[in-house]
Amino acid sequence: MEASTNHSAPPGHPAVSVIRKVEELPSLPGVVARLNEMVADPEVSVDEIVRVISLDQSLTTRILKVVNSAYYGFPRRISTIRHALIVLGLNEIQQMILGTAVIELFKDSCDGAGFDIWRFWEHSLACAFAAKGMARTFHHRVTGELFVAGLLHDIGKVVLARYLPGEFSQVVGRVVDHRFTSAEAEEACMGITHAELGYLLADHWNLPLSISQAIRDHHDPARSTETPLISAVVHLADLVAIRNGLDTGDPWWDDPVLDRRAWNTLKGRKLDLDETDIEGFSSELKRCRHQIDEFLERPEGSSPHTRG
């Protein structure tokens, strides 16, 4: 729906109040916004970046915990942010920080909404790691971009469940009682889909267009005009995550359908792409389960979800 992505809609249109609600949502933490600025500045030194990250002790602790997880398998313990930057690179650390910050912003449960926030983030991280794992196959050098796009592809669902509970209930009712698809129900109740809600939030956070378009277009990758490859990768990563039992568990979840136009976009980067590649992506994702758990830091008593 073009009106929503242009931040405008006719007076009285149901999307108007939804767009205003998104514009009132929290901004990203200062350390994340500052780091994004610093990464784009070639004059910034490593010392300055280390200092900014280290000011947030909680964030530093979580980054070092993830860096020292079995996923990376370093033979010696990484004990400082400087060391982590040296062995992993700024791009990898930046994606960790953004991922950690967003999960922290939206980690609380959506009371009374019937929305499992931990299962949601498990799915989102699965999609992020699957997308990142596809980078080499499809010759995309900026793996952090794919990770963040995968992580945030369904962020509009959290906005809907947590900040728009009335609309959320209406959407669920249409899906459960009237057999609407999720997109049909969202359009009918709000005049905007969860994918477009996510696009608005990404724009509110000043994230790159490549990421915001991938969020908006992960169900319709052919719509992406600027970065069709990223949208196609996130679309496929979403499907791989769900096939591996890592769906969001929300009441209006749809069975994934592979978009043939997205598949053709990906074949443009790997001419012999076939089902065996999807099996390979699935195997790689299974090796990331520990890393997903490290990112999530589930509260005591909760347990990982496996569907099927």
Foldseek 3Di string as FASTA:
>chain_A
DVQLLVLHDPPPALQVVVLVLLLPADAFDPLLLVLVVQVVDPVDDPVVNQVSQVVPVVLFVLLQLLCPDVLVPDPDRDDGPSSVCVVPNPLVSSLLSVLLRVCVSQVDDLPPQQFDSLLQQLLLQLLLQLLLVCCVVLVNDRSSLLNLLSNLLQVLVSCCSRVVSVLSVQLLCCCVVVVDASQVSSCVSRVDHSLSSSLSNCVSNVHDPLSSVLSNCLLPLVPDDPHSLSNLSSVLSSLLSVVFQRDRPDSNDDRRDRDVVSVVVSCVRPVPDDPVVSVVSNVSSVSCSRSSCSSSVDDPPDDDDGHD
